């Protein structure tokens, strides 16, 4: 009889449904929009100031979040980017605020083209160090949502430290607002 570990290795990973991922992408877009709005409560000097946390400034961390979403979308499309976009390409709040909704739309459009089979398809990609990995598309899509959630907590802390008013951006809050209970 095969060991349980062997059976686990043969069992395909469950992937998330298209409907679930659409909800998660909507949550991510909602949270990103609220972060941008909260960042507007921070004066320019504090917004661009390096605070020694994560990517440094509120602006650099927000650009990182947007750029990470774009690089993952590029990988899902079969492209092999070797560099993450940075605050140098988006040096102002306005540049970031113009670009990010386009990234969200492109991700949602890409998801709209997917099927159950394509979400289970293995995506081969290299990270920025050139290391090769392979995971199912649906799992990578969920990872991008998770990555954003992680950094939104950091952004909230940076905004508060910079004298701004952070937004309440939990999934619970998203659900309540979506159902008109906020």
Protein backbone atom coordinates (compact mmCIF):
# COMPACT_ATOMS: atom_id res chain seq x y z
CA UNK A 1 0.00 0.00 0.00
CA UNK A 2 1.41 3.44 -0.95
CA UNK A 3 2.28 5.84 1.84
CA UNK A 4 -0.03 8.83 2.49
CA UNK A 5 2.79 11.17 1.41
CA UNK A 6 3.04 9.37 -1.94
CA UNK A 7 -0.72 9.71 -2.46
CA UNK A 8 -0.55 13.39 -1.61
CA UNK A 9 2.10 13.88 -4.28
CA UNK A 10 -0.12 12.21 -6.89
CA UNK A 11 -3.25 14.11 -5.97
CA UNK A 12 -3.61 17.28 -8.04
CA UNK A 13 -3.80 20.49 -6.04
CA UNK A 14 -7.29 21.81 -5.67
CA UNK A 15 -7.54 25.11 -7.41
CA UNK A 16 -9.84 27.96 -6.63
CA UNK A 17 -12.97 28.48 -8.70
CA UNK A 18 -13.25 31.33 -11.16
CA UNK A 19 -16.10 32.80 -9.09
CA UNK A 20 -14.05 32.67 -5.90
CA UNK A 21 -11.08 34.32 -7.60
CA UNK A 22 -13.31 37.01 -9.07
CA UNK A 23 -14.55 37.82 -5.57
CA UNK A 24 -10.98 37.86 -4.27
CA UNK A 25 -9.87 40.18 -7.11
CA UNK A 26 -12.80 42.47 -6.32
CA UNK A 27 -11.73 42.45 -2.66
CA UNK A 28 -8.16 43.25 -3.67
CA UNK A 29 -9.26 46.10 -5.93
CA UNK A 30 -11.53 47.45 -3.15
CA UNK A 31 -8.70 47.29 -0.59
CA UNK A 32 -6.18 48.88 -2.95
CA UNK A 33 -8.61 51.73 -3.69
CA UNK A 34 -9.13 52.36 0.04
CA UNK A 35 -5.36 52.34 0.61
CA UNK A 36 -4.90 54.99 -2.09
CA UNK A 37 -7.66 57.08 -0.50
CA UNK A 38 -6.10 56.71 2.95
CA UNK A 39 -2.68 57.64 1.57
CA UNK A 40 -4.18 60.93 0.39
CA UNK A 41 -4.53 61.90 4.08
CA UNK A 42 -0.72 61.94 4.35
CA UNK A 43 1.06 65.19 3.43
CA UNK A 44 3.54 64.89 0.52
CA UNK A 45 6.67 65.15 2.64
CA UNK A 46 5.57 62.28 4.92
CA UNK A 47 4.12 60.26 2.01
CA UNK A 48 7.50 60.09 0.25
CA UNK A 49 9.64 59.87 3.42
CA UNK A 50 11.51 56.62 4.06
CA UNK A 51 10.27 55.21 7.38
CA UNK A 52 12.60 52.22 7.48
CA UNK A 53 9.78 49.68 7.17
CA UNK A 54 9.26 47.32 4.23
CA UNK A 55 9.93 49.31 1.05
CA UNK A 56 10.47 52.53 3.01
CA UNK A 57 7.86 55.10 2.11
CA UNK A 58 4.12 54.90 1.69
CA UNK A 59 4.61 55.65 -2.01
CA UNK A 60 7.30 53.01 -2.62
CA UNK A 61 5.23 50.33 -0.91
CA UNK A 62 2.09 51.21 -2.86
CA UNK A 63 4.07 51.12 -6.12
CA UNK A 64 5.48 47.74 -5.10
CA UNK A 65 1.96 46.38 -4.54
CA UNK A 66 0.81 47.55 -7.97
CA UNK A 67 4.00 46.38 -9.70
CA UNK A 68 3.76 42.93 -8.10
CA UNK A 69 0.24 42.51 -9.46
CA UNK A 70 1.49 43.49 -12.92
CA UNK A 71 4.49 41.16 -12.90
CA UNK A 72 2.33 38.22 -11.88
CA UNK A 73 -0.17 38.97 -14.63
CA UNK A 74 2.74 39.07 -17.05
CA UNK A 75 3.92 35.66 -15.86
CA UNK A 76 0.42 34.21 -16.21
CA UNK A 77 0.43 35.42 -19.81
CA UNK A 78 3.64 33.48 -20.44
CA UNK A 79 5.99 36.47 -20.30
CA UNK A 80 9.24 36.41 -18.35
CA UNK A 81 9.85 39.85 -16.84
CA UNK A 82 13.30 40.25 -15.33
CA UNK A 83 12.63 43.42 -13.37
CA UNK A 84 9.84 44.71 -11.16
CA UNK A 85 8.55 48.18 -11.97
CA UNK A 86 9.52 50.70 -9.31
CA UNK A 87 8.77 54.14 -7.96
CA UNK A 88 11.11 55.49 -10.63
CA UNK A 89 8.54 54.63 -13.32
CA UNK A 90 5.73 55.99 -11.11
CA UNK A 91 7.34 58.87 -9.21
CA UNK A 92 4.11 60.63 -8.17
CA UNK A 93 0.82 59.76 -6.54
CA UNK A 94 -0.93 60.72 -9.77
CA UNK A 95 1.16 58.35 -11.89
CA UNK A 96 0.40 55.47 -9.54
CA UNK A 97 -3.30 56.35 -9.31
CA UNK A 98 -3.60 56.38 -13.11
CA UNK A 99 -1.80 53.06 -13.61
CA UNK A 100 -3.23 50.89 -10.85
CA UNK A 101 -6.86 50.73 -12.08
CA UNK A 102 -5.51 49.58 -15.47
CA UNK A 103 -3.64 46.75 -13.75
CA UNK A 104 -6.79 45.73 -11.86
CA UNK A 105 -8.84 45.77 -15.07
CA UNK A 106 -6.25 43.70 -16.93
CA UNK A 107 -6.20 41.11 -14.14
CA UNK A 108 -9.98 40.84 -14.09
CA UNK A 109 -10.11 40.63 -17.90
CA UNK A 110 -7.51 37.84 -17.82
CA UNK A 111 -9.49 35.96 -15.18
CA UNK A 112 -12.61 36.32 -17.33
CA UNK A 113 -10.90 34.30 -20.08
CA UNK A 114 -10.10 31.38 -17.77
CA UNK A 115 -11.83 28.02 -17.42
CA UNK A 116 -11.72 25.38 -14.72
CA UNK A 117 -9.05 23.57 -16.73
CA UNK A 118 -6.93 26.65 -17.36
CA UNK A 119 -7.03 27.60 -13.68
CA UNK A 120 -5.58 24.16 -12.89
CA UNK A 121 -2.88 24.54 -15.57
CA UNK A 122 0.68 24.66 -14.29
CA UNK A 123 2.44 27.97 -14.81
CA UNK A 124 6.20 27.76 -15.20
CA UNK A 125 7.96 30.96 -14.24
CA UNK A 126 11.21 32.38 -12.97
CA UNK A 127 11.46 34.75 -10.05
CA UNK A 128 13.61 37.85 -10.28
CA UNK A 129 16.63 35.85 -9.10
CA UNK A 130 16.22 33.51 -12.09
CA UNK A 131 15.00 30.56 -10.01
CA UNK A 132 12.44 28.33 -11.75
CA UNK A 133 9.09 27.39 -10.19
CA UNK A 134 5.83 25.82 -11.33
CA UNK A 135 2.41 26.15 -9.69
CA UNK A 136 -1.25 26.06 -10.82
CA UNK A 137 -2.58 29.33 -12.25
CA UNK A 138 -5.49 29.51 -9.80
CA UNK A 139 -3.17 29.12 -6.83
CA UNK A 140 -0.88 31.86 -8.15
CA UNK A 141 -3.87 34.14 -8.62
CA UNK A 142 -4.86 33.60 -5.00
CA UNK A 143 -1.26 34.23 -3.93
CA UNK A 144 -1.43 37.71 -5.49
CA UNK A 145 -4.47 38.48 -3.34
CA UNK A 146 -2.63 37.18 -0.27
CA UNK A 147 0.45 39.27 -1.11
CA UNK A 148 -1.70 42.40 -1.33
CA UNK A 149 -3.35 41.66 2.00
CA UNK A 150 0.04 41.30 3.65
CA UNK A 151 1.26 44.63 2.32
CA UNK A 152 -2.00 46.52 2.99
CA UNK A 153 -1.35 45.96 6.69
CA UNK A 154 2.10 47.48 6.29
CA UNK A 155 0.70 50.42 4.33
CA UNK A 156 -1.82 51.08 7.10
CA UNK A 157 1.03 51.22 9.64
CA UNK A 158 3.08 53.54 7.43
CA UNK A 159 0.09 55.83 6.90
CA UNK A 160 -0.55 56.01 10.64
CA UNK A 161 3.13 56.70 11.40
CA UNK A 162 3.11 59.44 8.74
CA UNK A 163 0.21 61.18 10.46
CA UNK A 164 -2.53 60.01 8.11
CA UNK A 165 -5.76 58.13 8.71
CA UNK A 166 -5.49 54.43 7.73
CA UNK A 167 -8.51 52.70 6.23
CA UNK A 168 -10.32 49.68 7.68
CA UNK A 169 -9.64 47.16 4.91
CA UNK A 170 -10.39 43.73 6.32
CA UNK A 171 -12.24 41.09 4.32
CA UNK A 172 -14.97 41.25 6.96
CA UNK A 173 -15.42 44.96 6.29
CA UNK A 174 -15.50 44.28 2.54
CA UNK A 175 -18.28 41.70 2.99
CA UNK A 176 -20.34 44.05 5.18
CA UNK A 177 -19.94 46.93 2.74
CA UNK A 178 -20.79 44.71 -0.23
CA UNK A 179 -24.03 43.71 1.47
CA UNK A 180 -24.86 47.28 2.49
CA UNK A 181 -24.25 46.70 6.20
CA UNK A 182 -21.37 49.10 6.78
